[in-house]
PDB file of N, CA and C in Angstrom:
ATOM      1  N   MET A   1       8.597 -24.528  -4.369  1.00  0.00           N
ATOM      2  CA  MET A   1       8.482 -23.853  -3.099  1.00  0.00           C
ATOM      3  C   MET A   1       8.200 -22.368  -3.340  1.00  0.00           C
ATOM      4  N   VAL A   2       7.331 -21.792  -2.553  1.00  0.00           N
ATOM      5  CA  VAL A   2       6.960 -20.390  -2.683  1.00  0.00           C
ATOM      6  C   VAL A   2       7.785 -19.558  -1.706  1.00  0.00           C
ATOM      7  N   ALA A   3       8.371 -18.468  -2.226  1.00  0.00           N
ATOM      8  CA  ALA A   3       9.169 -17.582  -1.373  1.00  0.00           C
ATOM      9  C   ALA A   3       8.261 -16.757  -0.472  1.00  0.00           C
ATOM     10  N   PRO A   4       8.712 -16.449   0.730  1.00  0.00           N
ATOM     11  CA  PRO A   4       7.921 -15.566   1.591  1.00  0.00           C
ATOM     12  C   PRO A   4       7.727 -14.209   0.921  1.00  0.00           C
ATOM     13  N   PHE A   5       6.592 -13.605   1.180  1.00  0.00           N
ATOM     14  CA  PHE A   5       6.243 -12.325   0.562  1.00  0.00           C
ATOM     15  C   PHE A   5       7.342 -11.280   0.752  1.00  0.00           C
ATOM     16  N   GLU A   6       7.942 -11.236   1.936  1.00  0.00           N
ATOM     17  CA  GLU A   6       8.962 -10.237   2.235  1.00  0.00           C
ATOM     18  C   GLU A   6      10.148 -10.328   1.281  1.00  0.00           C
ATOM     19  N   LYS A   7      10.434 -11.517   0.767  1.00  0.00           N
ATOM     20  CA  LYS A   7      11.560 -11.682  -0.148  1.00  0.00           C
ATOM     21  C   LYS A   7      11.211 -11.263  -1.573  1.00  0.00           C
ATOM     22  N   LEU A   8       9.935 -11.059  -1.839  1.00  0.00           N
ATOM     23  CA  LEU A   8       9.506 -10.698  -3.187  1.00  0.00           C
ATOM     24  C   LEU A   8       9.416  -9.189  -3.400  1.00  0.00           C
ATOM     25  N   ILE A   9       9.579  -8.417  -2.350  1.00  0.00           N
ATOM     26  CA  ILE A   9       9.435  -6.969  -2.477  1.00  0.00           C
ATOM     27  C   ILE A   9      10.727  -6.264  -2.095  1.00  0.00           C
ATOM     28  N   ASN A  10      10.918  -5.105  -2.665  1.00  0.00           N
ATOM     29  CA  ASN A  10      12.014  -4.225  -2.272  1.00  0.00           C
ATOM     30  C   ASN A  10      11.413  -3.020  -1.591  1.00  0.00           C
ATOM     31  N   LYS A  11      11.840  -2.734  -0.388  1.00  0.00           N
ATOM     32  CA  LYS A  11      11.336  -1.557   0.309  1.00  0.00           C
ATOM     33  C   LYS A  11      12.112  -0.341  -0.172  1.00  0.00           C
ATOM     34  N   VAL A  12      11.391   0.740  -0.374  1.00  0.00           N
ATOM     35  CA  VAL A  12      11.979   1.964  -0.888  1.00  0.00           C
ATOM     36  C   VAL A  12      12.640   2.765   0.230  1.00  0.00           C
ATOM     37  N   GLY A  13      12.357   2.462   1.455  1.00  0.00           N
ATOM     38  CA  GLY A  13      12.862   3.197   2.604  1.00  0.00           C
ATOM     39  C   GLY A  13      11.702   3.542   3.508  1.00  0.00           C
ATOM     40  N   ASP A  14      12.001   4.081   4.657  1.00  0.00           N
ATOM     41  CA  ASP A  14      10.943   4.441   5.593  1.00  0.00           C
ATOM     42  C   ASP A  14      10.206   5.658   5.072  1.00  0.00           C
ATOM     43  N   PRO A  15       8.907   5.535   4.818  1.00  0.00           N
ATOM     44  CA  PRO A  15       8.150   6.666   4.281  1.00  0.00           C
ATOM     45  C   PRO A  15       7.809   7.717   5.328  1.00  0.00           C
ATOM     46  N   GLY A  16       8.107   7.451   6.589  1.00  0.00           N
ATOM     47  CA  GLY A  16       7.694   8.369   7.646  1.00  0.00           C
ATOM     48  C   GLY A  16       6.201   8.234   7.891  1.00  0.00           C
ATOM     49  N   ASP A  17       5.699   8.970   8.850  1.00  0.00           N
ATOM     50  CA  ASP A  17       4.265   8.924   9.132  1.00  0.00           C
ATOM     51  C   ASP A  17       3.528   9.775   8.114  1.00  0.00           C
ATOM     52  N   PHE A  18       2.769   9.139   7.246  1.00  0.00           N
ATOM     53  CA  PHE A  18       2.022   9.893   6.241  1.00  0.00           C
ATOM     54  C   PHE A  18       0.538   9.971   6.563  1.00  0.00           C
ATOM     55  N   ILE A  19       0.107   9.276   7.608  1.00  0.00           N
ATOM     56  CA  ILE A  19      -1.255   9.422   8.121  1.00  0.00           C
ATOM     57  C   ILE A  19      -1.148   9.695   9.619  1.00  0.00           C
ATOM     58  N   THR A  20      -1.762  10.775  10.046  1.00  0.00           N
ATOM     59  CA  THR A  20      -1.827  11.075  11.472  1.00  0.00           C
ATOM     60  C   THR A  20      -3.279  11.331  11.840  1.00  0.00           C
ATOM     61  N   VAL A  21      -3.602  11.076  13.091  1.00  0.00           N
ATOM     62  CA  VAL A  21      -4.980  11.204  13.555  1.00  0.00           C
ATOM     63  C   VAL A  21      -5.041  12.216  14.696  1.00  0.00           C
ATOM     64  N   ASN A  22      -5.948  13.170  14.556  1.00  0.00           N
ATOM     65  CA  ASN A  22      -6.252  14.094  15.644  1.00  0.00           C
ATOM     66  C   ASN A  22      -7.479  13.529  16.347  1.00  0.00           C
ATOM     67  N   ARG A  23      -7.246  12.753  17.387  1.00  0.00           N
ATOM     68  CA  ARG A  23      -8.336  12.033  18.054  1.00  0.00           C
ATOM     69  C   ARG A  23      -9.335  12.970  18.719  1.00  0.00           C
ATOM     70  N   GLU A  24      -8.924  14.185  19.035  1.00  0.00           N
ATOM     71  CA  GLU A  24      -9.858  15.150  19.625  1.00  0.00           C
ATOM     72  C   GLU A  24     -10.964  15.528  18.640  1.00  0.00           C
ATOM     73  N   ASN A  25     -10.644  15.526  17.350  1.00  0.00           N
ATOM     74  CA  ASN A  25     -11.633  15.879  16.328  1.00  0.00           C
ATOM     75  C   ASN A  25     -12.517  14.704  15.916  1.00  0.00           C
ATOM     76  N   CYS A  26     -12.112  13.487  16.258  1.00  0.00           N
ATOM     77  CA  CYS A  26     -12.845  12.292  15.833  1.00  0.00           C
ATOM     78  C   CYS A  26     -14.195  12.193  16.542  1.00  0.00           C
ATOM     79  N   THR A  27     -15.231  11.920  15.750  1.00  0.00           N
ATOM     80  CA  THR A  27     -16.583  11.757  16.298  1.00  0.00           C
ATOM     81  C   THR A  27     -17.042  10.301  16.273  1.00  0.00           C
ATOM     82  N   ALA A  28     -16.155   9.389  15.911  1.00  0.00           N
ATOM     83  CA  ALA A  28     -16.470   7.957  15.824  1.00  0.00           C
ATOM     84  C   ALA A  28     -17.570   7.676  14.807  1.00  0.00           C
ATOM     85  N   CYS A  29     -17.576   8.418  13.703  1.00  0.00           N
ATOM     86  CA  CYS A  29     -18.594   8.208  12.666  1.00  0.00           C
ATOM     87  C   CYS A  29     -18.361   6.907  11.889  1.00  0.00           C
ATOM     88  N   LYS A  30     -17.157   6.363  11.954  1.00  0.00           N
ATOM     89  CA  LYS A  30     -16.762   5.091  11.339  1.00  0.00           C
ATOM     90  C   LYS A  30     -16.601   5.155   9.823  1.00  0.00           C
ATOM     91  N   LYS A  31     -16.630   6.337   9.231  1.00  0.00           N
ATOM     92  CA  LYS A  31     -16.453   6.418   7.779  1.00  0.00           C
ATOM     93  C   LYS A  31     -15.087   5.886   7.348  1.00  0.00           C
ATOM     94  N   CYS A  32     -14.056   6.174   8.118  1.00  0.00           N
ATOM     95  CA  CYS A  32     -12.721   5.685   7.767  1.00  0.00           C
ATOM     96  C   CYS A  32     -12.670   4.156   7.831  1.00  0.00           C
ATOM     97  N   LEU A  33     -13.353   3.575   8.798  1.00  0.00           N
ATOM     98  CA  LEU A  33     -13.403   2.119   8.918  1.00  0.00           C
ATOM     99  C   LEU A  33     -14.093   1.493   7.712  1.00  0.00           C
ATOM    100  N   ILE A  34     -15.149   2.147   7.258  1.00  0.00           N
ATOM    101  CA  ILE A  34     -15.956   1.611   6.161  1.00  0.00           C
ATOM    102  C   ILE A  34     -15.235   1.717   4.824  1.00  0.00           C
ATOM    103  N   VAL A  35     -14.565   2.842   4.592  1.00  0.00           N
ATOM    104  CA  VAL A  35     -14.019   3.120   3.267  1.00  0.00           C
ATOM    105  C   VAL A  35     -12.638   2.500   3.021  1.00  0.00           C
ATOM    106  N   CYS A  36     -11.899   2.178   4.052  1.00  0.00           N
ATOM    107  CA  CYS A  36     -10.537   1.667   3.877  1.00  0.00           C
ATOM    108  C   CYS A  36     -10.550   0.294   3.204  1.00  0.00           C
ATOM    109  N   PRO A  37      -9.919   0.168   2.021  1.00  0.00           N
ATOM    110  CA  PRO A  37      -9.957  -1.112   1.307  1.00  0.00           C
ATOM    111  C   PRO A  37      -9.129  -2.214   1.958  1.00  0.00           C
ATOM    112  N   VAL A  38      -8.236  -1.861   2.876  1.00  0.00           N
ATOM    113  CA  VAL A  38      -7.408  -2.884   3.521  1.00  0.00           C
ATOM    114  C   VAL A  38      -7.636  -2.963   5.028  1.00  0.00           C
ATOM    115  N   ASN A  39      -8.735  -2.371   5.494  1.00  0.00           N
ATOM    116  CA  ASN A  39      -9.185  -2.530   6.880  1.00  0.00           C
ATOM    117  C   ASN A  39      -8.120  -2.131   7.914  1.00  0.00           C
ATOM    118  N   LEU A  40      -7.573  -0.928   7.745  1.00  0.00           N
ATOM    119  CA  LEU A  40      -6.523  -0.462   8.650  1.00  0.00           C
ATOM    120  C   LEU A  40      -7.041   0.249   9.892  1.00  0.00           C
ATOM    121  N   TRP A  41      -8.331   0.568   9.939  1.00  0.00           N
ATOM    122  CA  TRP A  41      -8.885   1.386  11.012  1.00  0.00           C
ATOM    123  C   TRP A  41      -9.709   0.569  11.989  1.00  0.00           C
ATOM    124  N   LYS A  42      -9.709   1.025  13.244  1.00  0.00           N
ATOM    125  CA  LYS A  42     -10.566   0.445  14.275  1.00  0.00           C
ATOM    126  C   LYS A  42     -10.952   1.567  15.234  1.00  0.00           C
ATOM    127  N   LEU A  43     -11.947   1.314  16.053  1.00  0.00           N
ATOM    128  CA  LEU A  43     -12.297   2.254  17.113  1.00  0.00           C
ATOM    129  C   LEU A  43     -11.646   1.778  18.397  1.00  0.00           C
ATOM    130  N   GLU A  44     -11.002   2.693  19.075  1.00  0.00           N
ATOM    131  CA  GLU A  44     -10.376   2.391  20.357  1.00  0.00           C
ATOM    132  C   GLU A  44     -10.763   3.505  21.324  1.00  0.00           C
ATOM    133  N   ASN A  45     -11.426   3.136  22.395  1.00  0.00           N
ATOM    134  CA  ASN A  45     -11.928   4.114  23.365  1.00  0.00           C
ATOM    135  C   ASN A  45     -12.804   5.174  22.694  1.00  0.00           C
ATOM    136  N   GLY A  46     -13.609   4.743  21.739  1.00  0.00           N
ATOM    137  CA  GLY A  46     -14.557   5.634  21.088  1.00  0.00           C
ATOM    138  C   GLY A  46     -13.960   6.585  20.072  1.00  0.00           C
ATOM    139  N   LYS A  47     -12.734   6.322  19.614  1.00  0.00           N
ATOM    140  CA  LYS A  47     -12.065   7.179  18.634  1.00  0.00           C
ATOM    141  C   LYS A  47     -11.385   6.314  17.579  1.00  0.00           C
ATOM    142  N   ALA A  48     -11.240   6.875  16.373  1.00  0.00           N
ATOM    143  CA  ALA A  48     -10.570   6.148  15.298  1.00  0.00           C
ATOM    144  C   ALA A  48      -9.089   5.976  15.613  1.00  0.00           C
ATOM    145  N   LYS A  49      -8.572   4.797  15.283  1.00  0.00           N
ATOM    146  CA  LYS A  49      -7.146   4.513  15.455  1.00  0.00           C
ATOM    147  C   LYS A  49      -6.700   3.683  14.266  1.00  0.00           C
ATOM    148  N   ILE A  50      -5.574   4.062  13.692  1.00  0.00           N
ATOM    149  CA  ILE A  50      -5.025   3.304  12.568  1.00  0.00           C
ATOM    150  C   ILE A  50      -4.055   2.256  13.118  1.00  0.00           C
ATOM    151  N   ARG A  51      -3.948   1.123  12.415  1.00  0.00           N
ATOM    152  CA  ARG A  51      -3.060   0.050  12.862  1.00  0.00           C
ATOM    153  C   ARG A  51      -1.615   0.529  12.926  1.00  0.00           C
ATOM    154  N   ASP A  52      -0.869   0.005  13.860  1.00  0.00           N
ATOM    155  CA  ASP A  52       0.531   0.404  14.030  1.00  0.00           C
ATOM    156  C   ASP A  52       1.370   0.115  12.787  1.00  0.00           C
ATOM    157  N   ASN A  53       1.049  -0.947  12.073  1.00  0.00           N
ATOM    158  CA  ASN A  53       1.834  -1.327  10.894  1.00  0.00           C
ATOM    159  C   ASN A  53       1.208  -0.819   9.593  1.00  0.00           C
ATOM    160  N   TYR A  54       0.470   0.287   9.650  1.00  0.00           N
ATOM    161  CA  TYR A  54      -0.236   0.776   8.471  1.00  0.00           C
ATOM    162  C   TYR A  54       0.698   1.090   7.306  1.00  0.00           C
ATOM    163  N   LYS A  55       1.929   1.506   7.583  1.00  0.00           N
ATOM    164  CA  LYS A  55       2.856   1.876   6.505  1.00  0.00           C
ATOM    165  C   LYS A  55       3.156   0.698   5.585  1.00  0.00           C
ATOM    166  N   GLU A  56       3.104  -0.499   6.126  1.00  0.00           N
ATOM    167  CA  GLU A  56       3.391  -1.694   5.340  1.00  0.00           C
ATOM    168  C   GLU A  56       2.192  -2.139   4.516  1.00  0.00           C
ATOM    169  N   LEU A  57       0.986  -1.741   4.902  1.00  0.00           N
ATOM    170  CA  LEU A  57      -0.225  -2.274   4.286  1.00  0.00           C
ATOM    171  C   LEU A  57      -1.043  -1.249   3.509  1.00  0.00           C
ATOM    172  N   CYS A  58      -0.875   0.023   3.823  1.00  0.00           N
ATOM    173  CA  CYS A  58      -1.709   1.078   3.241  1.00  0.00           C
ATOM    174  C   CYS A  58      -1.489   1.186   1.734  1.00  0.00           C
ATOM    175  N   LEU A  59      -2.576   1.327   0.987  1.00  0.00           N
ATOM    176  CA  LEU A  59      -2.511   1.514  -0.462  1.00  0.00           C
ATOM    177  C   LEU A  59      -2.345   2.977  -0.841  1.00  0.00           C
ATOM    178  N   GLU A  60      -2.325   3.856   0.147  1.00  0.00           N
ATOM    179  CA  GLU A  60      -2.149   5.288  -0.051  1.00  0.00           C
ATOM    180  C   GLU A  60      -3.208   5.881  -0.972  1.00  0.00           C
ATOM    181  N   CYS A  61      -4.424   5.394  -0.833  1.00  0.00           N
ATOM    182  CA  CYS A  61      -5.529   5.899  -1.655  1.00  0.00           C
ATOM    183  C   CYS A  61      -6.116   7.180  -1.081  1.00  0.00           C
ATOM    184  N   ALA A  62      -5.847   7.463   0.186  1.00  0.00           N
ATOM    185  CA  ALA A  62      -6.317   8.661   0.894  1.00  0.00           C
ATOM    186  C   ALA A  62      -7.831   8.688   1.071  1.00  0.00           C
ATOM    187  N   SER A  63      -8.486   7.563   0.918  1.00  0.00           N
ATOM    188  CA  SER A  63      -9.942   7.513   1.103  1.00  0.00           C
ATOM    189  C   SER A  63     -10.341   7.911   2.514  1.00  0.00           C
ATOM    190  N   CYS A  64      -9.579   7.479   3.495  1.00  0.00           N
ATOM    191  CA  CYS A  64      -9.897   7.812   4.888  1.00  0.00           C
ATOM    192  C   CYS A  64      -9.886   9.323   5.091  1.00  0.00           C
ATOM    193  N   TRP A  65      -8.904   9.971   4.542  1.00  0.00           N
ATOM    194  CA  TRP A  65      -8.775  11.427   4.655  1.00  0.00           C
ATOM    195  C   TRP A  65      -9.914  12.131   3.924  1.00  0.00           C
ATOM    196  N   GLN A  66     -10.274  11.619   2.747  1.00  0.00           N
ATOM    197  CA  GLN A  66     -11.314  12.251   1.942  1.00  0.00           C
ATOM    198  C   GLN A  66     -12.684  12.183   2.601  1.00  0.00           C
ATOM    199  N   VAL A  67     -12.990  11.109   3.305  1.00  0.00           N
ATOM    200  CA  VAL A  67     -14.331  10.969   3.887  1.00  0.00           C
ATOM    201  C   VAL A  67     -14.470  11.596   5.268  1.00  0.00           C
ATOM    202  N   CYS A  68     -13.364  11.981   5.881  1.00  0.00           N
ATOM    203  CA  CYS A  68     -13.440  12.538   7.233  1.00  0.00           C
ATOM    204  C   CYS A  68     -13.918  13.988   7.177  1.00  0.00           C
ATOM    205  N   ASP A  69     -15.118  14.208   7.698  1.00  0.00           N
ATOM    206  CA  ASP A  69     -15.728  15.540   7.692  1.00  0.00           C
ATOM    207  C   ASP A  69     -15.260  16.411   8.855  1.00  0.00           C
ATOM    208  N   TYR A  70     -14.452  15.876   9.743  1.00  0.00           N
ATOM    209  CA  TYR A  70     -14.102  16.583  10.971  1.00  0.00           C
ATOM    210  C   TYR A  70     -12.610  16.885  11.093  1.00  0.00           C
ATOM    211  N   ASN A  71     -11.872  16.741  10.003  1.00  0.00           N
ATOM    212  CA  ASN A  71     -10.424  17.001   9.997  1.00  0.00           C
ATOM    213  C   ASN A  71      -9.689  16.222  11.086  1.00  0.00           C
ATOM    214  N   ALA A  72     -10.133  15.013  11.311  1.00  0.00           N
ATOM    215  CA  ALA A  72      -9.472  14.163  12.302  1.00  0.00           C
ATOM    216  C   ALA A  72      -8.329  13.371  11.683  1.00  0.00           C
ATOM    217  N   ILE A  73      -8.327  13.239  10.360  1.00  0.00           N
ATOM    218  CA  ILE A  73      -7.302  12.459   9.670  1.00  0.00           C
ATOM    219  C   ILE A  73      -6.504  13.383   8.767  1.00  0.00           C
ATOM    220  N   ASN A  74      -5.188  13.342   8.937  1.00  0.00           N
ATOM    221  CA  ASN A  74      -4.283  14.101   8.079  1.00  0.00           C
ATOM    222  C   ASN A  74      -3.517  13.107   7.224  1.00  0.00           C
ATOM    223  N   PHE A  75      -3.475  13.368   5.936  1.00  0.00           N
ATOM    224  CA  PHE A  75      -2.803  12.477   4.992  1.00  0.00           C
ATOM    225  C   PHE A  75      -1.870  13.296   4.123  1.00  0.00           C
ATOM    226  N   LYS A  76      -0.680  12.779   3.899  1.00  0.00           N
ATOM    227  CA  LYS A  76       0.236  13.355   2.920  1.00  0.00           C
ATOM    228  C   LYS A  76       0.954  12.189   2.260  1.00  0.00           C
ATOM    229  N   PHE A  77       1.262  12.325   0.992  1.00  0.00           N
ATOM    230  CA  PHE A  77       1.985  11.250   0.333  1.00  0.00           C
ATOM    231  C   PHE A  77       3.345  11.079   0.995  1.00  0.00           C
ATOM    232  N   PRO A  78       3.844   9.854   1.043  1.00  0.00           N
ATOM    233  CA  PRO A  78       5.132   9.597   1.678  1.00  0.00           C
ATOM    234  C   PRO A  78       6.255  10.415   1.042  1.00  0.00           C
ATOM    235  N   LYS A  79       7.381  10.476   1.723  1.00  0.00           N
ATOM    236  CA  LYS A  79       8.540  11.230   1.244  1.00  0.00           C
ATOM    237  C   LYS A  79       8.805  10.909  -0.222  1.00  0.00           C
ATOM    238  N   GLY A  80       9.072  11.916  -0.980  1.00  0.00           N
ATOM    239  CA  GLY A  80       9.302  11.736  -2.409  1.00  0.00           C
ATOM    240  C   GLY A  80       8.061  12.007  -3.224  1.00  0.00           C
ATOM    241  N   GLY A  81       6.903  12.006  -2.593  1.00  0.00           N
ATOM    242  CA  GLY A  81       5.661  12.331  -3.275  1.00  0.00           C
ATOM    243  C   GLY A  81       5.251  11.351  -4.351  1.00  0.00           C
ATOM    244  N   THR A  82       5.686  10.110  -4.252  1.00  0.00           N
ATOM    245  CA  THR A  82       5.417   9.150  -5.314  1.00  0.00           C
ATOM    246  C   THR A  82       4.101   8.420  -5.141  1.00  0.00           C
ATOM    247  N   GLY A  83       3.502   8.513  -3.987  1.00  0.00           N
ATOM    248  CA  GLY A  83       2.319   7.703  -3.744  1.00  0.00           C
ATOM    249  C   GLY A  83       2.750   6.262  -3.561  1.00  0.00           C
ATOM    250  N   VAL A  84       1.836   5.363  -3.777  1.00  0.00           N
ATOM    251  CA  VAL A  84       2.141   3.954  -3.574  1.00  0.00           C
ATOM    252  C   VAL A  84       3.121   3.474  -4.639  1.00  0.00           C
ATOM    253  N   VAL A  85       4.067   2.648  -4.234  1.00  0.00           N
ATOM    254  CA  VAL A  85       5.070   2.123  -5.151  1.00  0.00           C
ATOM    255  C   VAL A  85       4.993   0.608  -5.113  1.00  0.00           C
ATOM    256  N   PHE A  86       4.673   0.023  -6.259  1.00  0.00           N
ATOM    257  CA  PHE A  86       4.633  -1.428  -6.382  1.00  0.00           C
ATOM    258  C   PHE A  86       5.787  -1.870  -7.263  1.00  0.00           C
ATOM    259  N   GLN A  87       6.321  -3.031  -6.991  1.00  0.00           N
ATOM    260  CA  GLN A  87       7.371  -3.580  -7.834  1.00  0.00           C
ATOM    261  C   GLN A  87       7.037  -5.029  -8.112  1.00  0.00           C
ATOM    262  N   ARG A  88       7.130  -5.395  -9.368  1.00  0.00           N
ATOM    263  CA  ARG A  88       6.870  -6.782  -9.754  1.00  0.00           C
ATOM    264  C   ARG A  88       8.151  -7.408 -10.257  1.00  0.00           C
ATOM    265  N   GLY A  89       8.198  -8.725 -10.122  1.00  0.00           N
ATOM    266  CA  GLY A  89       9.295  -9.447 -10.719  1.00  0.00           C
ATOM    267  C   GLY A  89      10.414  -9.794  -9.802  1.00  0.00           C
TER     268      GLY A  89
END
């Protein structure tokens, strides 16, 4: 029997909001949608919006922030500054 994924991971704690969007600056260029390796972005009412559960899925690669030419996406590493934390075993 295979254990549910949630039982295989240890959460480090709530990382807080490490990605925020300034929708006023968004031009709907879709670069964030294209570059995100886990498909966390969508357009809603003509502006970029990140999924509500992004903290659980984001790889913290900051690609969305790097490609945004309009300062619509703010990224900071989660509390502790560790970046993504994976645990095996």
